[in-house]
Amino acid sequence: MFAPPTSFVDPQKLIINDRQLFNNFKYSKAYFFISGFVDQLNTLMKGKKFTDCPAPSEAIQQISNILTEVRQIFDNTPPVARDCRYGNPSFKTFIEKLTAVTDSLHSAILSTVPEAIIELRAYFLDSFGSYGRLDYGTGHELNFICYLVCLLRLQILGTMDDLLCIGLSIFPQYVNLVIDLQNIYTLEPAGSHGAWSVDDYNLLPFVFGSAQFVNEKDVRIIFSRENAASLKNTNLYMRMISNINDVKSHELYTNSPFISEIHMKPDMNWEKINNGMLKHFNAEVLGKWPVIQHFWFGNILGFK
């Protein structure tokens, strides 16, 4: 429907001081591309395990290689001793190292449109947390989605197999990485509602993970620590539940009452959970001022 951009600009946060523009965000090209991408991934992932991922294209492998390099930078930047509860100073060092190599990391995947790095750089770097606030939240997760949408808009990605690989391989690789960033650098949850949120940091793994489970009957499987541990390598929802079990000391009923109440309803099923999680993403991420005020707009993801 929309031709790929042929020129690129330094992206801007157009909404940050304008509530009227925020109210019109849902009519923007950026919203159209992002919501459509998430909807399509959600549909494609229904009933799929990570092991159902097709063979990766060259571009998918290049993205995986980039995330592997980010992982290597993280592994080489251990946390330092500090007194504060949140925000290890080493996270800033990690972001500084990543910033220094971001352009070179993308030389292969952007070989046909190297000038596009000026826009992708903003989404990519903001995918891993805030350098200034030492936090991570759904807005950073959204930036990674924007990064992938940019690659689709540039026609670097685009086949159905590419989309399946994004959902079943690339996004899980990203989630595993940011979980470690959150835990090892003790990043502060950005905008969390505490126990009455889906998760302190992430939301989309619950959307896509519930889609993976739509053919399953038992919604209370999440309350078994053994099931969560055994299924975390095939399903995004259980990857998140397993992490909650690992980092919090109580049972899921106590740690996550929001999720627990959903799963304890007598008429609940995975299709309903998936529909609810997708609506929650649209309302609490794409529809919230605290998240969207920081959105980067350029020629790839424009406002008009």
Protein backbone atom coordinates (compact mmCIF):
# COMPACT_ATOMS: atom_id res chain seq x y z
CA MET A 1 0.00 0.00 0.00
CA PHE A 2 2.85 2.40 0.87
CA ALA A 3 6.05 2.51 -1.18
CA PRO A 4 9.29 2.18 0.78
CA PRO A 5 11.04 5.48 1.53
CA THR A 6 13.92 6.56 -0.67
CA SER A 7 15.30 9.27 1.61
CA PHE A 8 15.95 9.27 5.33
CA VAL A 9 16.05 11.82 8.14
CA ASP A 10 17.17 12.15 11.71
CA PRO A 11 14.10 10.83 13.59
CA GLN A 12 12.29 13.19 15.96
CA LYS A 13 10.05 12.80 19.01
CA LEU A 14 7.19 14.83 17.58
CA ILE A 15 4.65 13.96 20.26
CA ILE A 16 6.71 14.62 23.39
CA ASN A 17 5.14 18.03 24.13
CA ASP A 18 1.93 17.79 22.11
CA ARG A 19 -1.09 15.93 23.50
CA GLN A 20 -3.14 16.73 20.40
CA LEU A 21 -0.62 14.94 18.19
CA PHE A 22 -0.77 12.01 20.60
CA ASN A 23 -4.54 11.86 20.17
CA ASN A 24 -4.00 11.59 16.41
CA PHE A 25 -1.26 8.95 16.67
CA LYS A 26 -3.73 6.14 15.99
CA TYR A 27 -4.31 7.65 12.54
CA SER A 28 -0.61 7.83 11.64
CA LYS A 29 1.31 5.66 9.20
CA ALA A 30 3.52 4.50 12.05
CA TYR A 31 0.51 3.20 14.00
CA PHE A 32 -0.82 1.49 10.88
CA PHE A 33 2.45 -0.33 10.23
CA ILE A 34 3.10 -1.32 13.85
CA SER A 35 -0.39 -2.53 14.74
CA GLY A 36 -0.63 -4.40 11.45
CA PHE A 37 2.72 -6.07 12.04
CA VAL A 38 1.82 -7.16 15.57
CA ASP A 39 -1.58 -8.47 14.40
CA GLN A 40 0.04 -10.43 11.59
CA LEU A 41 2.70 -11.95 13.83
CA ASN A 42 0.06 -12.86 16.38
CA THR A 43 -1.97 -14.68 13.73
CA LEU A 44 1.03 -16.48 12.25
CA MET A 45 2.24 -17.71 15.63
CA LYS A 46 -1.01 -19.41 16.59
CA GLY A 47 -0.35 -23.04 17.47
CA LYS A 48 3.38 -22.77 16.69
CA LYS A 49 6.41 -23.74 18.78
CA PHE A 50 9.89 -22.31 18.37
CA THR A 51 10.84 -25.60 16.72
CA ASP A 52 8.36 -24.86 13.90
CA CYS A 53 10.54 -22.00 12.69
CA PRO A 54 11.48 -22.36 8.99
CA ALA A 55 15.04 -22.10 7.70
CA PRO A 56 16.22 -18.49 8.05
CA SER A 57 16.80 -16.23 5.08
CA GLU A 58 20.07 -14.31 4.80
CA ALA A 59 18.45 -11.22 6.33
CA ILE A 60 17.02 -13.16 9.28
CA GLN A 61 20.42 -14.68 9.92
CA GLN A 62 21.98 -11.22 9.81
CA ILE A 63 19.55 -9.96 12.47
CA SER A 64 20.32 -12.99 14.60
CA ASN A 65 24.03 -12.28 14.18
CA ILE A 66 23.49 -8.67 15.29
CA LEU A 67 21.69 -9.84 18.46
CA THR A 68 24.49 -12.34 19.08
CA GLU A 69 26.98 -9.48 18.91
CA VAL A 70 24.86 -7.49 21.37
CA ARG A 71 24.88 -10.52 23.66
CA GLN A 72 28.67 -10.64 23.40
CA ILE A 73 28.95 -6.99 24.44
CA PHE A 74 26.68 -7.73 27.40
CA ASP A 75 28.73 -10.78 28.40
CA ASN A 76 31.88 -8.65 28.30
CA THR A 77 30.35 -5.92 30.48
CA PRO A 78 29.69 -7.46 33.91
CA PRO A 79 27.85 -5.53 36.63
CA VAL A 80 29.88 -3.63 39.19
CA ALA A 81 29.29 -3.46 42.94
CA ARG A 82 26.91 -0.66 43.89
CA ASP A 83 24.60 0.37 46.73
CA CYS A 84 21.44 1.34 44.84
CA ARG A 85 18.51 -1.03 44.38
CA TYR A 86 18.00 -0.31 40.69
CA GLY A 87 20.30 0.49 37.81
CA ASN A 88 23.78 -0.95 37.75
CA PRO A 89 26.26 1.61 36.32
CA SER A 90 27.63 -1.05 33.98
CA PHE A 91 24.44 -0.75 31.95
CA LYS A 92 25.62 2.68 30.79
CA THR A 93 28.94 1.15 29.75
CA PHE A 94 27.03 -1.53 27.83
CA ILE A 95 24.98 1.11 25.96
CA GLU A 96 28.10 3.17 25.23
CA LYS A 97 29.84 0.12 23.74
CA LEU A 98 26.74 -0.76 21.73
CA THR A 99 26.36 2.79 20.43
CA ALA A 100 29.96 2.77 19.22
CA VAL A 101 29.42 -0.32 17.03
CA THR A 102 25.76 0.02 15.98
CA ASP A 103 26.52 1.37 12.51
CA SER A 104 29.11 -1.31 11.76
CA LEU A 105 26.80 -4.04 13.07
CA HIS A 106 24.30 -3.04 10.38
CA SER A 107 26.69 -2.74 7.45
CA ALA A 108 25.69 -6.11 6.01
CA ILE A 109 21.93 -5.98 6.45
CA LEU A 110 21.76 -2.38 5.19
CA SER A 111 24.22 -2.88 2.34
CA THR A 112 21.63 -1.78 -0.25
CA VAL A 113 20.39 1.21 1.79
CA PRO A 114 23.26 2.20 4.12
CA GLU A 115 21.83 5.69 4.60
CA ALA A 116 18.81 4.17 6.42
CA ILE A 117 20.95 3.62 9.51
CA ILE A 118 20.18 7.20 10.56
CA GLU A 119 16.62 6.06 11.33
CA LEU A 120 17.19 2.46 12.39
CA ARG A 121 19.86 3.51 14.88
CA ALA A 122 17.33 5.27 17.12
CA TYR A 123 14.96 2.29 17.32
CA PHE A 124 17.76 -0.22 17.74
CA LEU A 125 19.53 1.54 20.60
CA ASP A 126 16.26 2.29 22.41
CA SER A 127 15.34 -1.41 22.23
CA PHE A 128 17.57 -2.27 25.18
CA GLY A 129 16.59 0.28 27.82
CA SER A 130 17.15 3.89 28.80
CA TYR A 131 20.74 5.10 29.18
CA GLY A 132 19.64 8.10 31.24
CA ARG A 133 17.04 6.47 33.50
CA LEU A 134 18.60 2.99 33.76
CA ASP A 135 15.21 1.43 33.15
CA TYR A 136 13.41 -0.83 30.70
CA GLY A 137 9.72 -1.13 29.83
CA THR A 138 7.18 -1.76 27.12
CA GLY A 139 8.30 1.37 25.26
CA HIS A 140 11.72 -0.18 24.73
CA GLU A 141 10.11 -3.42 23.61
CA LEU A 142 8.07 -1.32 21.17
CA ASN A 143 11.27 0.14 19.75
CA PHE A 144 12.46 -3.35 18.82
CA ILE A 145 9.18 -3.94 17.00
CA CYS A 146 9.72 -0.61 15.19
CA TYR A 147 13.22 -1.73 14.24
CA LEU A 148 11.81 -4.89 12.65
CA VAL A 149 9.01 -2.96 10.93
CA CYS A 150 11.64 -0.65 9.43
CA LEU A 151 13.39 -3.66 7.89
CA LEU A 152 10.06 -4.77 6.44
CA ARG A 153 9.34 -1.29 5.08
CA LEU A 154 12.77 -1.29 3.44
CA GLN A 155 11.90 -4.66 1.86
CA ILE A 156 14.93 -6.29 3.48
CA LEU A 157 12.45 -8.65 5.13
CA GLY A 158 9.08 -9.57 3.72
CA THR A 159 8.40 -13.24 3.03
CA MET A 160 6.00 -15.29 5.14
CA ASP A 161 8.95 -17.38 6.32
CA ASP A 162 10.70 -14.18 7.40
CA LEU A 163 7.70 -13.25 9.53
CA LEU A 164 7.54 -16.70 11.09
CA CYS A 165 11.25 -16.52 11.84
CA ILE A 166 10.77 -13.14 13.50
CA GLY A 167 8.08 -14.54 15.78
CA LEU A 168 9.61 -17.93 16.51
CA SER A 169 13.33 -17.12 16.53
CA ILE A 170 14.33 -13.44 16.40
CA PHE A 171 11.86 -12.09 18.95
CA PRO A 172 12.57 -14.93 21.42
CA GLN A 173 16.30 -14.25 21.01
CA TYR A 174 15.65 -10.60 21.82
CA VAL A 175 13.46 -11.48 24.81
CA ASN A 176 16.11 -13.78 26.27
CA LEU A 177 18.65 -10.99 25.93
CA VAL A 178 16.58 -8.24 27.53
CA ILE A 179 15.54 -10.51 30.40
CA ASP A 180 19.23 -10.87 31.21
CA LEU A 181 19.75 -7.12 30.87
CA GLN A 182 16.88 -6.51 33.29
CA ASN A 183 18.07 -9.05 35.83
CA ILE A 184 21.85 -8.61 35.71
CA TYR A 185 21.85 -4.81 35.50
CA THR A 186 18.80 -4.58 37.84
CA LEU A 187 17.10 -2.13 35.52
CA GLU A 188 14.15 -0.26 36.99
CA PRO A 189 10.76 -1.21 35.51
CA ALA A 190 9.60 1.71 33.38
CA GLY A 191 5.97 2.57 33.99
CA SER A 192 5.13 -0.70 35.76
CA HIS A 193 1.88 -1.01 37.72
CA GLY A 194 3.60 -3.49 40.03
CA ALA A 195 1.75 -6.70 40.88
CA TRP A 196 -1.29 -5.48 38.93
CA SER A 197 0.48 -5.42 35.59
CA VAL A 198 1.08 -8.35 33.25
CA ASP A 199 4.82 -8.10 33.90
CA ASP A 200 7.25 -5.57 35.34
CA TYR A 201 8.97 -5.06 31.98
CA ASN A 202 7.45 -6.81 28.95
CA LEU A 203 4.06 -7.41 27.35
CA LEU A 204 4.42 -8.76 23.80
CA PRO A 205 5.83 -12.16 24.89
CA PHE A 206 2.47 -12.72 26.59
CA VAL A 207 0.64 -11.74 23.41
CA PHE A 208 2.63 -13.98 21.11
CA GLY A 209 3.07 -16.74 23.69
CA SER A 210 -0.68 -17.02 24.25
CA ALA A 211 -1.11 -17.21 20.47
CA GLN A 212 1.28 -20.16 20.47
CA PHE A 213 -0.97 -21.89 23.00
CA VAL A 214 -4.37 -21.37 21.31
CA ASN A 215 -4.74 -25.09 20.58
CA GLU A 216 -4.00 -26.07 24.19
CA LYS A 217 -6.81 -26.73 26.65
CA ASP A 218 -5.24 -26.17 30.06
CA VAL A 219 -4.83 -22.48 30.93
CA ARG A 220 -3.72 -23.33 34.48
CA ILE A 221 -0.55 -24.96 33.25
CA ILE A 222 1.25 -21.73 34.17
CA PHE A 223 0.94 -22.47 37.89
CA SER A 224 3.29 -25.45 37.66
CA ARG A 225 6.93 -24.40 38.05
CA GLU A 226 7.98 -27.65 36.40
CA ASN A 227 5.81 -26.98 33.34
CA ALA A 228 7.09 -23.42 33.06
CA ALA A 229 10.69 -24.60 33.21
CA SER A 230 10.17 -27.37 30.67
CA LEU A 231 8.22 -25.24 28.17
CA LYS A 232 10.20 -21.99 28.37
CA ASN A 233 12.36 -23.00 25.40
CA THR A 234 9.36 -23.56 23.11
CA ASN A 235 6.86 -20.88 24.19
CA LEU A 236 7.21 -17.17 24.95
CA TYR A 237 4.46 -17.08 27.58
CA MET A 238 6.16 -19.80 29.59
CA ARG A 239 9.52 -18.08 29.12
CA MET A 240 8.10 -15.10 30.95
CA ILE A 241 6.39 -17.19 33.65
CA SER A 242 9.63 -19.08 34.21
CA ASN A 243 11.48 -15.80 34.65
CA ILE A 244 8.92 -14.57 37.19
CA ASN A 245 9.39 -17.81 39.10
CA ASP A 246 13.17 -17.40 38.99
CA VAL A 247 13.41 -13.80 40.17
CA LYS A 248 10.58 -13.66 42.71
CA SER A 249 10.41 -15.67 45.90
CA HIS A 250 6.68 -16.47 46.19
CA GLU A 251 4.25 -18.51 44.14
CA LEU A 252 2.75 -17.06 40.96
CA TYR A 253 -0.59 -16.41 42.71
CA THR A 254 1.18 -13.92 44.98
CA ASN A 255 3.77 -12.56 42.54
CA SER A 256 1.38 -11.96 39.64
CA PRO A 257 -2.24 -11.56 40.78
CA PHE A 258 -3.20 -9.88 37.49
CA ILE A 259 -2.18 -12.92 35.44
CA SER A 260 -3.39 -15.38 38.07
CA GLU A 261 -6.91 -13.94 38.15
CA ILE A 262 -7.16 -14.28 34.38
CA HIS A 263 -6.08 -17.91 34.43
CA MET A 264 -8.32 -18.86 37.36
CA LYS A 265 -11.55 -17.83 35.66
CA PRO A 266 -13.68 -20.96 35.10
CA ASP A 267 -14.57 -20.24 31.46
CA MET A 268 -11.12 -19.08 30.39
CA ASN A 269 -9.25 -20.46 27.37
CA TRP A 270 -6.09 -19.52 25.50
CA GLU A 271 -7.97 -17.87 22.64
CA LYS A 272 -9.63 -15.49 25.10
CA ILE A 273 -6.32 -14.84 26.83
CA ASN A 274 -4.68 -14.07 23.50
CA ASN A 275 -7.45 -11.68 22.45
CA GLY A 276 -7.23 -9.95 25.82
CA MET A 277 -3.45 -9.62 25.72
CA LEU A 278 -3.57 -8.14 22.21
CA LYS A 279 -6.18 -5.59 23.30
CA HIS A 280 -4.04 -4.84 26.36
CA PHE A 281 -1.05 -4.10 24.12
CA ASN A 282 -3.07 -1.76 21.93
CA ALA A 283 -4.49 0.05 24.96
CA GLU A 284 -1.52 0.10 27.35
CA VAL A 285 1.33 0.57 24.86
CA LEU A 286 0.08 2.07 21.59
CA GLY A 287 -2.64 3.96 23.42
CA LYS A 288 -0.72 5.42 26.35
CA TRP A 289 0.83 8.89 26.47
CA PRO A 290 3.78 7.92 28.75
CA VAL A 291 4.92 5.43 26.09
CA ILE A 292 4.09 7.18 22.82
CA GLN A 293 5.41 10.61 23.85
CA HIS A 294 8.89 9.13 23.34
CA PHE A 295 8.13 7.66 19.89
CA TRP A 296 10.65 8.34 17.12
CA PHE A 297 9.19 9.53 13.80
CA GLY A 298 11.16 9.53 10.55
CA ASN A 299 10.50 8.78 6.90
CA ILE A 300 10.24 5.03 7.46
CA LEU A 301 7.72 5.34 10.28
CA GLY A 302 6.07 8.68 9.64
CA PHE A 303 3.32 10.54 11.42
CA LYS A 304 1.24 11.71 8.45
